[in-house]
Amino acid sequence: MYINSQFFQRNQILRSILTLVFFISLLVIFFLPLADNDFGWHYRCGMQIMQSRGVCQGGEFLYFLSDYQWANPNFLYDIFIANVFNHFGFLGLSFLGSLILTLVIIWIYKSSPAGIFIKIPLIYLAIFLSWPVLSLGFRSQILSLLFGALTFYFLGAKKESHLKKIIWLVPLFGVWANTHPSFFLGPLIFALYLIGQWLGFLRKKVLLKTVAITSIVFCLSSIATLLNPFGYYIYEEVYRHWQMPLSTLIAEWVPPLLWPSVIIIVLTGIFIIYNVLKNKFDFFATAVLLIAAFFSLKARRNLPFFYFYYLYLVLKNLNFKINEKWGRYFEYFLTGAIMIGLIFWAPRKIQRTFQFDTDFSQYCSAGYVQYPCRATAFLKKFAAENRRSLNIFNTYEWGGFLVWQLPEHKIFIDGRMPAWFGEAGQSPYTTWLKIIQASIDWDKKLTAYGTDCLFIGPGTFLDLLLQEQAERFGYRAIYRDDLAAIWLKS
């Protein structure tokens, strides 16, 4: 005997319990500390908008490239996190990130006819393979995962409700284009879907009326992305972003290691071969999968895009039966295993996130970037006592933190800038790197930029040079600890 509707009716209580504990486990898994080192500038931009001073244009918080114009569509996200942080602190942002990622999984879960004993293990596996990125906690990229899941949900609606649902892509794309630079994935995915519709029409499988209405909705959705503070320049910014060799500059833009790359290629090949052999070739599904694989192989930060979409495809196409007796046993096992995991693991997991989000010293020292909180407090007091507003050459990873903690001063660089085109078409990150490595004429460059002090890590090339020749270059040390050194221009 195989699992059928009667089996699930007889076991509805067990199934409901298993579903509940599964989603609770997801909330716990995704309840992560807010350790995004870009939080500071996002927060400042959000507060700037809320104070009616307009959206961030680029160089407001900087003294290097202070006039740079950056068409980055983040302003809804910036307002969002500023409001949540003001009312609920980091804890609220951690819970929000947990809720959003769980919603992404719920939409994937609900889109599949596969049995619960298939869905749950595969979802856990996709999370595990995406964990190097997901473990970083709530970021604007997470909202793009949600918007992507909604896009597939609306496009995958049943025929009788299809046209009613795809119209929701118009406001969705408008919101996406004001939230994260990966908004372009929405029109790209929709365009591939539309091509598939036209191919279906040519094969007489799709009505002309359906294709025509879908084409109109596509045009309206694409136009909706232009309703942002920068207009069509957000597309230009996406193009410029891809021209910069970020894989040579920033860790999360580096391609995955060998084995993750092999897994992506093999999984993509398996899906395509399976569909060809089954004579079920789907242009839209295959095209999106190839794009997801391309982006993931290009940068490890895109791994969740591939694995979550692959999960969506597999669960949507999986038709697997299991013996009723073994199916019941498997549900018992899954329920027990998840509940035991929650009992022994969840309290410690939740406690760690609570401690990180509510204890500022933990925030400073226990994240994937350590922040120089004591040095920041010293410099804030020093500048106030001397009534000075400083231009601060800073460590790159501290940029967002310093933008947030030292709003009365200007810094050199933060997390927005690696994709910018600076001097001689170089990334500002490259300019920063040459200075921190004490390359030729580093001091002349800093003088030309109007630098007042250096806020850098101890033991860097620049710090070691100044320890030996501070007087020669016109600097004096005013602070040092195990995490930061501050040098003031004489």
Protein backbone atom coordinates (compact mmCIF):
# COMPACT_ATOMS: atom_id res chain seq x y z
CA MET A 1 0.00 0.00 0.00
CA TYR A 2 1.23 3.46 -0.83
CA ILE A 3 0.69 6.86 0.71
CA ASN A 4 -2.59 8.37 -0.44
CA SER A 5 -5.10 10.97 0.71
CA GLN A 6 -6.61 8.58 3.28
CA PHE A 7 -3.21 8.03 4.84
CA PHE A 8 -2.64 11.75 5.27
CA GLN A 9 -6.15 12.24 6.66
CA ARG A 10 -5.52 9.52 9.25
CA ASN A 11 -2.21 11.10 10.13
CA GLN A 12 -3.21 14.76 9.91
CA ILE A 13 -2.28 15.51 13.51
CA LEU A 14 1.20 14.01 13.13
CA ARG A 15 1.71 15.82 9.85
CA SER A 16 0.60 19.13 11.39
CA ILE A 17 2.98 18.64 14.32
CA LEU A 18 5.86 17.81 11.97
CA THR A 19 5.15 20.87 9.81
CA LEU A 20 4.96 23.11 12.87
CA VAL A 21 8.22 21.92 14.43
CA PHE A 22 9.91 22.13 11.02
CA PHE A 23 9.01 25.80 10.57
CA ILE A 24 9.95 26.54 14.18
CA SER A 25 13.34 24.96 13.49
CA LEU A 26 13.75 27.27 10.48
CA LEU A 27 13.01 30.33 12.60
CA VAL A 28 15.69 29.18 15.04
CA ILE A 29 18.23 28.34 12.32
CA PHE A 30 17.83 31.77 10.72
CA PHE A 31 17.75 33.68 14.04
CA LEU A 32 21.26 35.02 13.57
CA PRO A 33 23.22 37.94 15.05
CA LEU A 34 23.11 41.15 13.02
CA ALA A 35 26.77 41.26 12.01
CA ASP A 36 26.53 43.00 8.62
CA ASN A 37 29.45 45.43 8.43
CA ASP A 38 27.40 47.57 6.00
CA PHE A 39 24.69 48.16 8.60
CA GLY A 40 26.11 51.56 9.59
CA TRP A 41 25.81 53.30 6.24
CA HIS A 42 22.43 51.68 5.54
CA TYR A 43 21.21 53.04 8.88
CA ARG A 44 22.61 56.53 8.23
CA CYS A 45 20.98 56.58 4.78
CA GLY A 46 17.67 55.50 6.28
CA MET A 47 17.83 58.21 8.94
CA GLN A 48 18.75 60.80 6.30
CA ILE A 49 15.58 59.98 4.37
CA MET A 50 13.43 59.97 7.51
CA GLN A 51 14.79 63.41 8.39
CA SER A 52 13.67 64.68 4.95
CA ARG A 53 17.22 65.17 3.69
CA GLY A 54 16.79 62.96 0.62
CA VAL A 55 18.18 59.60 -0.43
CA CYS A 56 21.89 58.84 -0.29
CA GLN A 57 23.56 59.90 -3.53
CA GLY A 58 27.00 58.41 -2.92
CA GLY A 59 29.68 60.39 -1.14
CA GLU A 60 27.78 62.11 1.69
CA PHE A 61 29.75 60.41 4.46
CA LEU A 62 33.14 60.53 2.73
CA TYR A 63 35.96 62.97 2.14
CA PHE A 64 37.42 60.81 -0.64
CA LEU A 65 35.18 60.87 -3.75
CA SER A 66 32.75 63.02 -1.77
CA ASP A 67 31.01 64.16 -4.98
CA TYR A 68 30.58 60.65 -6.40
CA GLN A 69 27.08 59.90 -7.72
CA TRP A 70 25.90 56.36 -7.06
CA ALA A 71 22.53 55.17 -8.37
CA ASN A 72 22.09 52.41 -5.84
CA PRO A 73 18.43 51.50 -5.18
CA ASN A 74 18.50 50.73 -1.46
CA PHE A 75 16.31 53.42 -0.01
CA LEU A 76 13.30 51.26 1.00
CA TYR A 77 15.64 48.82 2.74
CA ASP A 78 17.45 51.71 4.43
CA ILE A 79 14.20 53.18 5.78
CA PHE A 80 13.05 49.73 6.80
CA ILE A 81 16.09 48.80 8.90
CA ALA A 82 16.39 52.29 10.40
CA ASN A 83 12.82 52.09 11.68
CA VAL A 84 13.18 48.53 12.97
CA PHE A 85 16.49 49.33 14.68
CA ASN A 86 15.14 52.51 16.28
CA HIS A 87 12.22 50.60 17.81
CA PHE A 88 13.59 47.09 18.43
CA GLY A 89 17.38 47.28 18.08
CA PHE A 90 19.54 44.54 16.61
CA LEU A 91 17.26 41.92 18.13
CA GLY A 92 14.39 43.13 15.97
CA LEU A 93 16.55 42.94 12.85
CA SER A 94 17.67 39.39 13.72
CA PHE A 95 14.07 38.28 14.15
CA LEU A 96 13.10 40.04 10.92
CA GLY A 97 15.83 38.21 9.00
CA SER A 98 14.68 34.90 10.48
CA LEU A 99 11.09 35.58 9.48
CA ILE A 100 11.96 36.60 5.91
CA LEU A 101 14.13 33.55 5.22
CA THR A 102 11.48 31.29 6.71
CA LEU A 103 8.90 32.89 4.40
CA VAL A 104 11.16 32.10 1.43
CA ILE A 105 11.20 28.44 2.47
CA ILE A 106 7.43 28.43 3.04
CA TRP A 107 6.80 29.56 -0.54
CA ILE A 108 9.13 26.87 -1.88
CA TYR A 109 7.50 24.32 0.42
CA LYS A 110 3.96 25.22 -0.67
CA SER A 111 4.85 25.16 -4.37
CA SER A 112 5.68 21.45 -4.26
CA PRO A 113 3.37 18.42 -4.48
CA ALA A 114 6.14 16.22 -3.03
CA GLY A 115 5.64 14.43 0.26
CA ILE A 116 6.66 16.01 3.53
CA PHE A 117 9.32 13.34 4.04
CA ILE A 118 10.98 14.49 0.81
CA LYS A 119 10.59 18.24 1.24
CA ILE A 120 12.07 18.58 4.70
CA PRO A 121 15.41 16.75 4.18
CA LEU A 122 15.99 18.50 0.83
CA ILE A 123 15.23 21.92 2.33
CA TYR A 124 17.70 21.28 5.14
CA LEU A 125 20.28 20.20 2.54
CA ALA A 126 19.79 23.39 0.48
CA ILE A 127 20.20 25.50 3.63
CA PHE A 128 23.38 23.60 4.52
CA LEU A 129 24.90 24.15 1.07
CA SER A 130 23.96 27.86 1.18
CA TRP A 131 25.13 28.34 4.77
CA PRO A 132 28.42 30.17 3.99
CA VAL A 133 26.23 33.06 2.79
CA LEU A 134 23.11 32.65 4.94
CA SER A 135 25.19 32.50 8.12
CA LEU A 136 26.09 36.18 7.65
CA GLY A 137 22.62 37.10 8.89
CA PHE A 138 20.07 39.64 7.70
CA ARG A 139 21.18 41.80 4.77
CA SER A 140 19.43 43.47 1.85
CA GLN A 141 20.37 40.45 -0.27
CA ILE A 142 17.95 38.38 1.83
CA LEU A 143 15.04 40.51 0.62
CA SER A 144 16.05 39.70 -2.95
CA LEU A 145 15.68 36.00 -2.14
CA LEU A 146 12.17 36.72 -0.91
CA PHE A 147 11.29 38.77 -4.00
CA GLY A 148 12.74 36.05 -6.22
CA ALA A 149 10.63 33.40 -4.47
CA LEU A 150 7.53 35.56 -4.93
CA THR A 151 8.36 36.00 -8.62
CA PHE A 152 8.44 32.23 -9.16
CA TYR A 153 5.29 31.85 -7.06
CA PHE A 154 3.33 34.29 -9.24
CA LEU A 155 4.73 32.97 -12.53
CA GLY A 156 4.05 29.38 -11.48
CA ALA A 157 0.38 29.97 -10.64
CA LYS A 158 -2.18 27.55 -12.04
CA LYS A 159 -3.83 28.44 -15.35
CA GLU A 160 -7.14 29.46 -13.83
CA SER A 161 -5.50 32.08 -11.59
CA HIS A 162 -2.35 32.77 -13.60
CA LEU A 163 -3.28 36.15 -15.08
CA LYS A 164 -4.67 37.40 -11.78
CA LYS A 165 -1.42 36.60 -10.01
CA ILE A 166 1.19 37.79 -12.49
CA ILE A 167 -0.23 41.31 -12.28
CA TRP A 168 1.25 41.39 -8.76
CA LEU A 169 4.68 41.40 -10.40
CA VAL A 170 4.15 45.07 -11.31
CA PRO A 171 4.21 46.38 -7.70
CA LEU A 172 6.68 43.66 -6.68
CA PHE A 173 9.26 44.79 -9.25
CA GLY A 174 8.68 48.40 -8.23
CA VAL A 175 9.49 47.57 -4.60
CA TRP A 176 12.43 45.35 -5.59
CA ALA A 177 13.98 48.15 -7.68
CA ASN A 178 14.02 50.35 -4.58
CA THR A 179 15.42 47.72 -2.24
CA HIS A 180 18.46 45.92 -3.69
CA PRO A 181 20.67 46.12 -6.83
CA SER A 182 19.75 42.55 -7.83
CA PHE A 183 16.32 43.86 -8.86
CA PHE A 184 17.34 43.21 -12.48
CA LEU A 185 16.81 39.49 -11.84
CA GLY A 186 13.05 40.11 -11.77
CA PRO A 187 12.73 41.43 -15.34
CA LEU A 188 15.34 38.89 -16.48
CA ILE A 189 13.39 35.95 -15.06
CA PHE A 190 10.12 37.34 -16.40
CA ALA A 191 11.68 37.85 -19.86
CA LEU A 192 12.75 34.20 -19.97
CA TYR A 193 9.27 33.17 -18.91
CA LEU A 194 7.78 35.31 -21.69
CA ILE A 195 10.10 33.75 -24.27
CA GLY A 196 8.91 30.34 -23.07
CA GLN A 197 5.31 31.51 -23.50
CA TRP A 198 5.93 32.62 -27.07
CA LEU A 199 7.64 29.31 -27.84
CA GLY A 200 4.60 27.58 -26.40
CA PHE A 201 2.36 29.67 -28.65
CA LEU A 202 4.39 28.70 -31.71
CA ARG A 203 3.95 25.05 -30.72
CA LYS A 204 0.22 25.73 -30.25
CA LYS A 205 0.34 24.93 -26.53
CA VAL A 206 -0.38 28.46 -25.29
CA LEU A 207 -3.20 30.76 -26.39
CA LEU A 208 -2.35 34.04 -28.12
CA LYS A 209 -4.53 35.90 -25.60
CA THR A 210 -2.46 34.50 -22.73
CA VAL A 211 0.82 35.45 -24.38
CA ALA A 212 -0.43 38.94 -25.22
CA ILE A 213 -1.59 39.66 -21.67
CA THR A 214 1.64 38.26 -20.26
CA SER A 215 3.60 40.54 -22.62
CA ILE A 216 1.65 43.58 -21.42
CA VAL A 217 2.27 42.68 -17.77
CA PHE A 218 5.96 42.22 -18.54
CA CYS A 219 6.16 45.71 -20.04
CA LEU A 220 4.33 47.23 -17.06
CA SER A 221 6.56 45.35 -14.61
CA SER A 222 9.70 46.53 -16.38
CA ILE A 223 8.45 50.12 -16.38
CA ALA A 224 7.74 49.80 -12.64
CA THR A 225 11.46 49.28 -11.99
CA LEU A 226 12.07 52.79 -13.36
CA LEU A 227 9.95 54.31 -10.58
CA ASN A 228 12.88 55.01 -8.27
CA PRO A 229 14.93 58.09 -7.30
CA PHE A 230 17.50 57.41 -10.03
CA GLY A 231 15.33 56.30 -12.95
CA TYR A 232 17.04 54.23 -15.62
CA TYR A 233 20.47 54.93 -14.10
CA ILE A 234 19.98 51.94 -11.79
CA TYR A 235 20.42 49.72 -14.86
CA GLU A 236 23.55 51.62 -15.80
CA GLU A 237 24.85 51.03 -12.27
CA VAL A 238 24.26 47.29 -12.62
CA TYR A 239 26.28 47.31 -15.84
CA ARG A 240 29.12 49.27 -14.22
CA HIS A 241 29.04 46.92 -11.26
CA TRP A 242 29.77 43.95 -13.50
CA GLN A 243 32.64 45.80 -15.20
CA MET A 244 34.58 46.02 -11.94
CA PRO A 245 36.71 42.89 -11.16
CA LEU A 246 35.23 42.45 -7.68
CA SER A 247 36.41 38.84 -7.48
CA THR A 248 39.97 40.18 -7.13
CA LEU A 249 38.97 42.65 -4.41
CA ILE A 250 36.21 41.37 -2.10
CA ALA A 251 35.99 37.92 -0.49
CA GLU A 252 32.26 37.30 -1.02
CA TRP A 253 32.65 38.04 -4.75
CA VAL A 254 35.28 35.32 -5.14
CA PRO A 255 34.08 32.21 -7.04
CA PRO A 256 33.23 29.14 -4.93
CA LEU A 257 35.89 26.56 -4.15
CA LEU A 258 36.36 23.52 -6.39
CA TRP A 259 33.90 21.13 -4.74
CA PRO A 260 30.99 23.58 -4.47
CA SER A 261 31.60 24.46 -8.13
CA VAL A 262 31.58 20.78 -9.11
CA ILE A 263 28.33 20.25 -7.19
CA ILE A 264 26.66 23.15 -9.01
CA ILE A 265 27.78 21.90 -12.43
CA VAL A 266 26.78 18.29 -11.72
CA LEU A 267 23.35 19.23 -10.33
CA THR A 268 22.67 21.47 -13.32
CA GLY A 269 23.69 18.70 -15.73
CA ILE A 270 21.53 16.11 -13.93
CA PHE A 271 18.43 18.27 -14.14
CA ILE A 272 18.90 19.05 -17.85
CA ILE A 273 19.65 15.41 -18.78
CA TYR A 274 16.69 14.17 -16.73
CA ASN A 275 14.29 16.52 -18.52
CA VAL A 276 15.67 15.61 -21.94
CA LEU A 277 15.35 11.88 -21.24
CA LYS A 278 11.82 12.32 -19.91
CA ASN A 279 10.94 14.49 -22.92
CA LYS A 280 9.89 17.23 -20.49
CA PHE A 281 12.29 19.96 -21.60
CA ASP A 282 11.16 23.28 -20.13
CA PHE A 283 12.84 26.32 -21.68
CA PHE A 284 12.02 28.65 -18.79
CA ALA A 285 13.15 26.32 -16.00
CA THR A 286 16.35 25.36 -17.82
CA ALA A 287 17.26 28.93 -18.79
CA VAL A 288 16.79 30.25 -15.24
CA LEU A 289 18.76 27.31 -13.84
CA LEU A 290 21.67 28.05 -16.19
CA ILE A 291 21.63 31.72 -15.16
CA ALA A 292 21.52 30.77 -11.48
CA ALA A 293 24.45 28.42 -12.02
CA PHE A 294 26.39 31.12 -13.87
CA PHE A 295 25.93 33.71 -11.13
CA SER A 296 26.79 31.18 -8.41
CA LEU A 297 29.96 30.05 -10.18
CA LYS A 298 30.95 33.68 -10.64
CA ALA A 299 30.55 34.69 -6.96
CA ARG A 300 29.99 32.62 -3.82
CA ARG A 301 27.55 35.23 -2.48
CA ASN A 302 25.04 33.93 -5.06
CA LEU A 303 25.02 30.33 -3.78
CA PRO A 304 21.56 30.61 -2.14
CA PHE A 305 20.10 31.81 -5.45
CA PHE A 306 21.20 28.57 -7.12
CA TYR A 307 20.42 26.10 -4.35
CA PHE A 308 17.01 27.55 -3.48
CA TYR A 309 15.99 27.68 -7.12
CA TYR A 310 17.27 24.13 -7.70
CA LEU A 311 15.31 23.04 -4.65
CA TYR A 312 12.21 24.71 -6.10
CA LEU A 313 12.67 22.87 -9.43
CA VAL A 314 13.34 19.48 -7.85
CA LEU A 315 10.41 19.64 -5.44
CA LYS A 316 8.09 20.89 -8.15
CA ASN A 317 9.01 18.03 -10.50
CA LEU A 318 9.53 15.26 -7.96
CA ASN A 319 6.93 12.49 -7.94
CA PHE A 320 8.03 9.97 -5.38
CA LYS A 321 5.95 7.32 -3.61
CA ILE A 322 6.81 5.47 -0.45
CA ASN A 323 5.25 2.55 1.34
CA GLU A 324 2.57 3.69 3.82
CA LYS A 325 4.16 1.89 6.75
CA TRP A 326 7.64 3.27 6.08
CA GLY A 327 6.20 6.71 5.39
CA ARG A 328 4.60 6.75 8.83
CA TYR A 329 7.85 5.64 10.46
CA PHE A 330 9.77 8.31 8.59
CA GLU A 331 7.38 11.00 9.78
CA TYR A 332 7.80 9.76 13.36
CA PHE A 333 11.57 9.87 12.94
CA LEU A 334 11.61 13.37 11.43
CA THR A 335 9.29 14.75 14.11
CA GLY A 336 11.36 13.23 16.90
CA ALA A 337 14.70 14.28 15.41
CA ILE A 338 13.65 17.90 14.90
CA MET A 339 12.08 18.15 18.35
CA ILE A 340 15.18 16.69 20.02
CA GLY A 341 17.32 19.14 18.06
CA LEU A 342 15.14 22.05 19.18
CA ILE A 343 15.21 20.95 22.82
CA PHE A 344 19.00 20.57 23.06
CA TRP A 345 20.22 23.11 20.51
CA ALA A 346 17.68 25.92 20.15
CA PRO A 347 18.03 27.45 23.66
CA ARG A 348 21.79 27.92 23.25
CA LYS A 349 21.38 29.21 19.70
CA ILE A 350 18.76 31.76 20.76
CA GLN A 351 20.81 32.78 23.80
CA ARG A 352 23.91 33.47 21.68
CA THR A 353 21.95 35.71 19.32
CA PHE A 354 20.33 37.53 22.26
CA GLN A 355 23.73 38.14 23.85
CA PHE A 356 25.25 39.41 20.63
CA ASP A 357 22.35 41.71 19.78
CA THR A 358 21.86 43.18 23.25
CA ASP A 359 25.47 43.45 24.50
CA PHE A 360 27.39 46.10 22.55
CA SER A 361 30.74 44.67 23.68
CA GLN A 362 29.73 41.37 22.04
CA TYR A 363 28.73 43.23 18.89
CA CYS A 364 32.18 44.83 18.83
CA SER A 365 34.22 41.69 19.45
CA ALA A 366 32.27 38.58 18.41
CA GLY A 367 31.17 39.29 14.84
CA TYR A 368 32.91 38.20 11.65
CA VAL A 369 34.46 41.69 11.72
CA GLN A 370 35.84 43.00 15.01
CA TYR A 371 35.11 46.68 15.55
CA PRO A 372 37.44 49.13 17.36
CA CYS A 373 34.82 50.33 19.85
CA ARG A 374 37.26 51.60 22.51
CA ALA A 375 39.29 53.45 19.90
CA THR A 376 36.11 54.91 18.41
CA ALA A 377 34.96 56.18 21.81
CA PHE A 378 38.41 57.72 22.37
CA LEU A 379 38.43 59.50 18.99
CA LYS A 380 34.89 60.77 19.49
CA LYS A 381 35.87 62.29 22.85
CA PHE A 382 39.19 63.61 21.52
CA ALA A 383 37.54 65.39 18.59
CA ALA A 384 34.79 66.84 20.80
CA GLU A 385 37.32 68.21 23.31
CA ASN A 386 39.34 69.77 20.50
CA ARG A 387 36.22 70.88 18.63
CA ARG A 388 37.39 69.30 15.41
CA SER A 389 35.61 67.60 12.56
CA LEU A 390 38.06 65.08 11.13
CA ASN A 391 38.71 63.48 7.77
CA ILE A 392 39.57 59.92 8.80
CA PHE A 393 41.52 57.42 6.70
CA ASN A 394 40.07 54.15 7.98
CA THR A 395 40.33 50.40 7.68
CA TYR A 396 37.94 49.30 4.93
CA GLU A 397 36.00 46.76 7.02
CA TRP A 398 35.27 49.41 9.67
CA GLY A 399 33.77 51.92 7.23
CA GLY A 400 30.10 51.21 7.86
CA PHE A 401 30.64 51.08 11.62
CA LEU A 402 32.46 54.42 11.68
CA VAL A 403 29.84 56.09 9.47
CA TRP A 404 27.30 55.10 12.11
CA GLN A 405 29.36 55.80 15.25
CA LEU A 406 31.15 58.97 14.12
CA PRO A 407 28.47 60.88 12.18
CA GLU A 408 30.15 64.25 12.76
CA HIS A 409 33.27 63.16 10.86
CA LYS A 410 34.07 62.04 7.30
CA ILE A 411 35.75 58.73 6.47
CA PHE A 412 37.79 57.50 3.51
CA ILE A 413 36.04 54.27 2.47
CA ASP A 414 33.13 51.98 3.29
CA GLY A 415 31.43 48.87 1.91
CA ARG A 416 29.64 50.69 -0.91
CA MET A 417 32.77 51.70 -2.75
CA PRO A 418 34.56 48.66 -4.25
CA ALA A 419 32.21 48.73 -7.27
CA TRP A 420 32.67 52.47 -7.84
CA PHE A 421 34.91 53.84 -10.58
CA GLY A 422 37.46 56.07 -8.88
CA GLU A 423 40.73 57.60 -9.99
CA ALA A 424 41.95 56.35 -13.37
CA GLY A 425 38.96 54.02 -13.52
CA GLN A 426 40.22 52.04 -10.54
CA SER A 427 38.12 50.81 -7.68
CA PRO A 428 38.45 53.04 -4.59
CA TYR A 429 39.29 49.83 -2.76
CA THR A 430 42.44 49.56 -4.88
CA THR A 431 43.36 53.14 -3.98
CA TRP A 432 42.81 52.36 -0.30
CA LEU A 433 44.87 49.16 -0.55
CA LYS A 434 47.86 50.97 -2.03
CA ILE A 435 47.81 53.51 0.80
CA ILE A 436 47.39 50.97 3.62
CA GLN A 437 50.33 49.05 2.11
CA ALA A 438 52.41 52.25 2.23
CA SER A 439 53.02 52.24 -1.51
CA ILE A 440 54.95 55.04 -3.23
CA ASP A 441 53.61 58.55 -2.50
CA TRP A 442 50.98 57.31 -0.06
CA ASP A 443 51.58 60.36 2.13
CA LYS A 444 51.22 62.80 -0.76
CA LYS A 445 47.91 61.20 -1.72
CA LEU A 446 46.54 61.47 1.81
CA THR A 447 47.65 65.09 2.02
CA ALA A 448 46.01 65.86 -1.32
CA TYR A 449 42.75 64.27 -0.13
CA GLY A 450 42.80 66.40 3.05
CA THR A 451 43.35 63.61 5.58
CA ASP A 452 43.45 64.63 9.26
CA CYS A 453 44.08 61.28 10.92
CA LEU A 454 44.58 57.58 10.30
CA PHE A 455 42.32 55.02 12.03
CA ILE A 456 43.92 51.71 11.07
CA GLY A 457 44.80 48.29 12.38
CA PRO A 458 48.06 47.81 14.29
CA GLY A 459 50.68 45.87 12.40
CA THR A 460 49.61 47.00 8.94
CA PHE A 461 52.39 48.15 6.61
CA LEU A 462 51.34 51.76 7.10
CA ASP A 463 51.25 51.46 10.89
CA LEU A 464 54.67 49.76 11.02
CA LEU A 465 56.18 52.45 8.80
CA LEU A 466 54.82 55.24 10.99
CA GLN A 467 56.11 53.59 14.15
CA GLU A 468 59.59 54.04 12.70
CA GLN A 469 59.22 57.30 10.75
CA ALA A 470 56.21 59.18 12.12
CA GLU A 471 58.03 62.53 12.37
CA ARG A 472 59.27 62.31 8.80
CA PHE A 473 55.71 61.99 7.47
CA GLY A 474 54.19 64.45 9.93
CA TYR A 475 52.08 62.14 12.11
CA ARG A 476 51.91 61.47 15.85
CA ALA A 477 50.30 58.55 17.65
CA ILE A 478 47.39 59.47 19.93
CA TYR A 479 45.91 56.02 20.60
CA ARG A 480 46.81 52.33 20.36
CA ASP A 481 45.31 49.07 21.54
CA ASP A 482 45.31 45.49 20.27
CA LEU A 483 42.76 46.29 17.55
CA ALA A 484 43.38 49.86 16.38
CA ALA A 485 45.99 52.57 16.05
CA ILE A 486 45.14 56.25 15.59
CA TRP A 487 47.67 58.62 14.04
CA LEU A 488 46.99 62.35 13.96
CA LYS A 489 48.36 64.58 11.21
CA SER A 490 50.63 67.20 12.77
